[in-house]
Structure formats: structure tokens, C-alpha cells
Amino acid sequence: MDPSTGTAERPKTKILIITELLTSYLGADAAGQMHLEYPSNTYILKTLCAVIFPEDFYLHCFEKGIDGIIVASGGSDCPYEGAYNRLAARIGRVYEKMQERGLDIRRLKLTAICSICTKAFVNEVNMMNQVLDELGPVKAKTSST
């Protein structure tokens, strides 16, 4: 309970947002420049293309205390030919590994965010927070042992 408001405190959760430099990062940055509000439990990782991360990267993030991951790809706007299709297939395989470890697959979301999609970016963050409010922080079930 928060003594100042009398409301239940939100569990401390962490969301990693993987963005792509030429597409989704620009949308996330524009959301910040427009002072659009979203929860502060986010960590934005800017990369050239999200497909560079191997499947185990996502599982390792959960093991290290990240509770939710949003992979904000440029989708069909990605300048790297075939990258989005490879990324989507990779995320599908990560979902399988998550299920094997007892992790709810809603903790990982692949979404397309373009360079001007500020409201869509904020909406994705808010939706992930709703999921994490339901699920709570990730448990120690992430280990494959």
C-alpha cells in the first residue's frame, strides 16, 4: 500500500524495449520529444536491426530480471531485406523456449513501430504494463536446469 494515496503499489517490473535506429527508435524518440506520458519502468536499447539478437538473448534477459520485452521492429519498413521475416521466425522459436521454461509468452511482444508511430509506441508500453500487472515480476523459473 502506498501510504500517501491509499492505493496498492504496482510491482516493480522492468520492460526492455529493443528499437531499430532507422524506424522504431525514431518513433520512441519522438514520443519523448512530444512529452507523451508512459510508465518509467522502460529501458530502450537502440540497435541497427533487432534480428541481430540470438534466441538465447531474450531468455537471458528474463533470467537477469527483465520482466517484459517489446521488440519494436520497423516491420516491412526495415531497410534490411528479409530481416523482419527472420526476426518473426526467431521470436516464434523463443516463444517455444519460453513455454518449455514455464514463462508466459505475453512477456515478449514483437510489434511494428514506424518512425512517426508515437501513440502506437506509448500504447505498446502501456499494454505490456497491463500484462505485467497481471503476471507480476518474472520468477526464477527461467533457468533451463
C-alpha atoms as a PDB file:
ATOM      1  CA  MET A   1       0.000   0.000   0.000  1.00  0.00           C
ATOM      2  CA  ASP A   2       1.175   3.474  -0.863  1.00  0.00           C
ATOM      3  CA  PRO A   3       0.602   5.410   2.380  1.00  0.00           C
ATOM      4  CA  SER A   4       0.219   8.751   0.605  1.00  0.00           C
ATOM      5  CA  THR A   5      -2.583   7.614  -1.722  1.00  0.00           C
ATOM      6  CA  GLY A   6      -4.010   4.525  -0.029  1.00  0.00           C
ATOM      7  CA  THR A   7      -3.711   2.553  -3.271  1.00  0.00           C
ATOM      8  CA  ALA A   8      -1.931  -0.723  -3.878  1.00  0.00           C
ATOM      9  CA  GLU A   9       1.610  -0.244  -5.137  1.00  0.00           C
ATOM     10  CA  ARG A  10       2.419  -1.552  -8.597  1.00  0.00           C
ATOM     11  CA  PRO A  11       5.011  -4.343  -8.505  1.00  0.00           C
ATOM     12  CA  LYS A  12       8.411  -3.142  -9.630  1.00  0.00           C
ATOM     13  CA  THR A  13       8.716  -4.531 -13.143  1.00  0.00           C
ATOM     14  CA  LYS A  14      11.220  -3.789 -15.900  1.00  0.00           C
ATOM     15  CA  ILE A  15      10.500  -3.597 -19.605  1.00  0.00           C
ATOM     16  CA  LEU A  16      13.265  -3.786 -22.206  1.00  0.00           C
ATOM     17  CA  ILE A  17      12.322  -2.158 -25.499  1.00  0.00           C
ATOM     18  CA  ILE A  18      14.501  -3.137 -28.433  1.00  0.00           C
ATOM     19  CA  THR A  19      14.267  -0.474 -31.128  1.00  0.00           C
ATOM     20  CA  GLU A  20      15.722  -0.113 -34.597  1.00  0.00           C
ATOM     21  CA  LEU A  21      17.724   3.012 -35.379  1.00  0.00           C
ATOM     22  CA  LEU A  22      16.057   3.951 -38.664  1.00  0.00           C
ATOM     23  CA  THR A  23      12.454   3.127 -37.747  1.00  0.00           C
ATOM     24  CA  SER A  24      11.085   2.346 -34.295  1.00  0.00           C
ATOM     25  CA  TYR A  25      13.735   4.268 -32.354  1.00  0.00           C
ATOM     26  CA  LEU A  26      12.658   7.427 -34.164  1.00  0.00           C
ATOM     27  CA  GLY A  27       9.060   6.780 -33.073  1.00  0.00           C
ATOM     28  CA  ALA A  28      10.138   6.210 -29.466  1.00  0.00           C
ATOM     29  CA  ASP A  29      12.331   9.308 -29.516  1.00  0.00           C
ATOM     30  CA  ALA A  30       9.524  11.411 -30.988  1.00  0.00           C
ATOM     31  CA  ALA A  31       7.182  10.187 -28.217  1.00  0.00           C
ATOM     32  CA  GLY A  32       9.682  11.509 -25.694  1.00  0.00           C
ATOM     33  CA  GLN A  33      10.133  14.798 -27.520  1.00  0.00           C
ATOM     34  CA  MET A  34       6.342  15.229 -27.569  1.00  0.00           C
ATOM     35  CA  HIS A  35       6.299  14.593 -23.802  1.00  0.00           C
ATOM     36  CA  LEU A  36       3.826  11.741 -24.217  1.00  0.00           C
ATOM     37  CA  GLU A  37       3.441  10.000 -20.886  1.00  0.00           C
ATOM     38  CA  TYR A  38       4.148   6.348 -20.268  1.00  0.00           C
ATOM     39  CA  PRO A  39       5.488   4.458 -17.250  1.00  0.00           C
ATOM     40  CA  SER A  40       9.154   4.973 -16.404  1.00  0.00           C
ATOM     41  CA  ASN A  41       9.970   1.272 -15.982  1.00  0.00           C
ATOM     42  CA  THR A  42      11.293   1.064 -19.543  1.00  0.00           C
ATOM     43  CA  TYR A  43      14.812   0.641 -20.861  1.00  0.00           C
ATOM     44  CA  ILE A  44      15.302   1.423 -24.545  1.00  0.00           C
ATOM     45  CA  LEU A  45      18.004  -0.421 -26.447  1.00  0.00           C
ATOM     46  CA  LYS A  46      18.785   1.134 -29.828  1.00  0.00           C
ATOM     47  CA  THR A  47      20.184  -1.174 -32.495  1.00  0.00           C
ATOM     48  CA  LEU A  48      20.557  -1.185 -36.270  1.00  0.00           C
ATOM     49  CA  CYS A  49      18.252  -4.174 -36.644  1.00  0.00           C
ATOM     50  CA  ALA A  50      16.579  -6.317 -33.982  1.00  0.00           C
ATOM     51  CA  VAL A  51      17.330  -9.527 -35.865  1.00  0.00           C
ATOM     52  CA  ILE A  52      20.924  -9.420 -34.561  1.00  0.00           C
ATOM     53  CA  PHE A  53      19.920 -10.881 -31.191  1.00  0.00           C
ATOM     54  CA  PRO A  54      20.038 -14.681 -30.893  1.00  0.00           C
ATOM     55  CA  GLU A  55      17.166 -16.592 -29.296  1.00  0.00           C
ATOM     56  CA  ASP A  56      19.004 -17.092 -26.020  1.00  0.00           C
ATOM     57  CA  PHE A  57      19.447 -13.328 -25.608  1.00  0.00           C
ATOM     58  CA  TYR A  58      15.766 -12.961 -24.726  1.00  0.00           C
ATOM     59  CA  LEU A  59      15.842 -15.840 -22.247  1.00  0.00           C
ATOM     60  CA  HIS A  60      18.980 -14.393 -20.653  1.00  0.00           C
ATOM     61  CA  CYS A  61      17.180 -11.058 -20.213  1.00  0.00           C
ATOM     62  CA  PHE A  62      14.403 -12.803 -18.281  1.00  0.00           C
ATOM     63  CA  GLU A  63      16.992 -14.633 -16.165  1.00  0.00           C
ATOM     64  CA  LYS A  64      18.619 -11.293 -15.313  1.00  0.00           C
ATOM     65  CA  GLY A  65      15.383  -9.681 -14.132  1.00  0.00           C
ATOM     66  CA  ILE A  66      13.740  -8.160 -17.189  1.00  0.00           C
ATOM     67  CA  ASP A  67      10.010  -8.844 -16.826  1.00  0.00           C
ATOM     68  CA  GLY A  68       8.818  -7.946 -20.313  1.00  0.00           C
ATOM     69  CA  ILE A  69      10.406  -7.332 -23.697  1.00  0.00           C
ATOM     70  CA  ILE A  70       8.969  -5.321 -26.558  1.00  0.00           C
ATOM     71  CA  VAL A  71      10.760  -5.878 -29.855  1.00  0.00           C
ATOM     72  CA  ALA A  72       9.797  -2.736 -31.764  1.00  0.00           C
ATOM     73  CA  SER A  73      10.770  -3.527 -35.307  1.00  0.00           C
ATOM     74  CA  GLY A  74      10.269  -1.423 -38.372  1.00  0.00           C
ATOM     75  CA  GLY A  75       8.286  -4.295 -39.874  1.00  0.00           C
ATOM     76  CA  SER A  76       8.061  -4.017 -43.641  1.00  0.00           C
ATOM     77  CA  ASP A  77       9.805  -0.615 -43.417  1.00  0.00           C
ATOM     78  CA  CYS A  78      13.033  -2.309 -42.309  1.00  0.00           C
ATOM     79  CA  PRO A  79      15.774  -1.398 -44.801  1.00  0.00           C
ATOM     80  CA  TYR A  80      17.432  -4.815 -44.444  1.00  0.00           C
ATOM     81  CA  GLU A  81      15.889  -7.270 -46.889  1.00  0.00           C
ATOM     82  CA  GLY A  82      14.287 -10.274 -45.226  1.00  0.00           C
ATOM     83  CA  ALA A  83      15.247  -9.150 -41.728  1.00  0.00           C
ATOM     84  CA  TYR A  84      11.695  -8.829 -40.397  1.00  0.00           C
ATOM     85  CA  ASN A  85      10.704 -12.312 -41.591  1.00  0.00           C
ATOM     86  CA  ARG A  86      13.809 -13.806 -39.975  1.00  0.00           C
ATOM     87  CA  LEU A  87      13.077 -11.873 -36.783  1.00  0.00           C
ATOM     88  CA  ALA A  88       9.461 -13.079 -36.676  1.00  0.00           C
ATOM     89  CA  ALA A  89      10.598 -16.694 -37.112  1.00  0.00           C
ATOM     90  CA  ARG A  90      13.205 -16.253 -34.373  1.00  0.00           C
ATOM     91  CA  ILE A  91      10.643 -14.804 -31.946  1.00  0.00           C
ATOM     92  CA  GLY A  92       8.410 -17.798 -32.704  1.00  0.00           C
ATOM     93  CA  ARG A  93      11.213 -20.119 -31.612  1.00  0.00           C
ATOM     94  CA  VAL A  94      11.776 -18.011 -28.476  1.00  0.00           C
ATOM     95  CA  TYR A  95       8.089 -18.448 -27.606  1.00  0.00           C
ATOM     96  CA  GLU A  96       8.587 -22.226 -27.705  1.00  0.00           C
ATOM     97  CA  LYS A  97      11.594 -21.993 -25.390  1.00  0.00           C
ATOM     98  CA  MET A  98       9.681 -19.705 -23.041  1.00  0.00           C
ATOM     99  CA  GLN A  99       6.847 -22.223 -22.795  1.00  0.00           C
ATOM    100  CA  GLU A 100       9.344 -25.004 -22.038  1.00  0.00           C
ATOM    101  CA  ARG A 101      10.592 -22.897 -19.115  1.00  0.00           C
ATOM    102  CA  GLY A 102       7.134 -22.022 -17.837  1.00  0.00           C
ATOM    103  CA  LEU A 103       7.320 -18.379 -18.941  1.00  0.00           C
ATOM    104  CA  ASP A 104       4.148 -16.724 -20.182  1.00  0.00           C
ATOM    105  CA  ILE A 105       4.743 -15.776 -23.820  1.00  0.00           C
ATOM    106  CA  ARG A 106       2.929 -12.472 -23.306  1.00  0.00           C
ATOM    107  CA  ARG A 107       6.146 -11.260 -21.667  1.00  0.00           C
ATOM    108  CA  LEU A 108       7.668 -10.967 -25.167  1.00  0.00           C
ATOM    109  CA  LYS A 109       5.997  -8.982 -27.915  1.00  0.00           C
ATOM    110  CA  LEU A 110       7.074  -8.351 -31.477  1.00  0.00           C
ATOM    111  CA  THR A 111       5.446  -5.243 -32.892  1.00  0.00           C
ATOM    112  CA  ALA A 112       5.951  -2.902 -35.833  1.00  0.00           C
ATOM    113  CA  ILE A 113       6.567   0.729 -34.899  1.00  0.00           C
ATOM    114  CA  CYS A 114       7.430   3.243 -37.602  1.00  0.00           C
ATOM    115  CA  SER A 115       9.340   6.495 -37.297  1.00  0.00           C
ATOM    116  CA  ILE A 116       6.167   8.542 -36.687  1.00  0.00           C
ATOM    117  CA  CYS A 117       4.219   5.995 -34.612  1.00  0.00           C
ATOM    118  CA  THR A 118       4.426   7.857 -31.305  1.00  0.00           C
ATOM    119  CA  LYS A 119       0.995   6.905 -29.984  1.00  0.00           C
ATOM    120  CA  ALA A 120       1.459   3.294 -31.072  1.00  0.00           C
ATOM    121  CA  PHE A 121       4.745   3.209 -29.152  1.00  0.00           C
ATOM    122  CA  VAL A 122       3.126   4.532 -25.964  1.00  0.00           C
ATOM    123  CA  ASN A 123       0.216   2.119 -26.438  1.00  0.00           C
ATOM    124  CA  GLU A 124       2.591  -0.868 -26.651  1.00  0.00           C
ATOM    125  CA  VAL A 125       4.334   0.196 -23.433  1.00  0.00           C
ATOM    126  CA  ASN A 126       1.003   0.607 -21.654  1.00  0.00           C
ATOM    127  CA  MET A 127      -0.262  -2.762 -22.908  1.00  0.00           C
ATOM    128  CA  MET A 128       2.913  -4.508 -21.724  1.00  0.00           C
ATOM    129  CA  ASN A 129       2.489  -2.881 -18.322  1.00  0.00           C
ATOM    130  CA  GLN A 130      -1.079  -4.207 -18.161  1.00  0.00           C
ATOM    131  CA  VAL A 131       0.226  -7.707 -18.876  1.00  0.00           C
ATOM    132  CA  LEU A 132       2.930  -7.336 -16.224  1.00  0.00           C
ATOM    133  CA  ASP A 133       0.394  -6.023 -13.707  1.00  0.00           C
ATOM    134  CA  GLU A 134      -1.438  -9.322 -14.220  1.00  0.00           C
ATOM    135  CA  LEU A 135       1.637 -11.581 -14.271  1.00  0.00           C
ATOM    136  CA  GLY A 136       3.861  -9.777 -11.775  1.00  0.00           C
ATOM    137  CA  PRO A 137       7.660  -9.820 -11.857  1.00  0.00           C
ATOM    138  CA  VAL A 138       9.346 -12.730 -13.603  1.00  0.00           C
ATOM    139  CA  LYS A 139      10.084 -15.626 -11.275  1.00  0.00           C
ATOM    140  CA  ALA A 140      13.187 -17.764 -11.000  1.00  0.00           C
ATOM    141  CA  LYS A 141      11.532 -20.296 -13.365  1.00  0.00           C
ATOM    142  CA  THR A 142      13.632 -19.004 -16.237  1.00  0.00           C
ATOM    143  CA  SER A 143      16.571 -21.318 -15.666  1.00  0.00           C
ATOM    144  CA  SER A 144      16.733 -24.266 -18.044  1.00  0.00           C
ATOM    145  CA  THR A 145      18.110 -26.521 -15.306  1.00  0.00           C
END
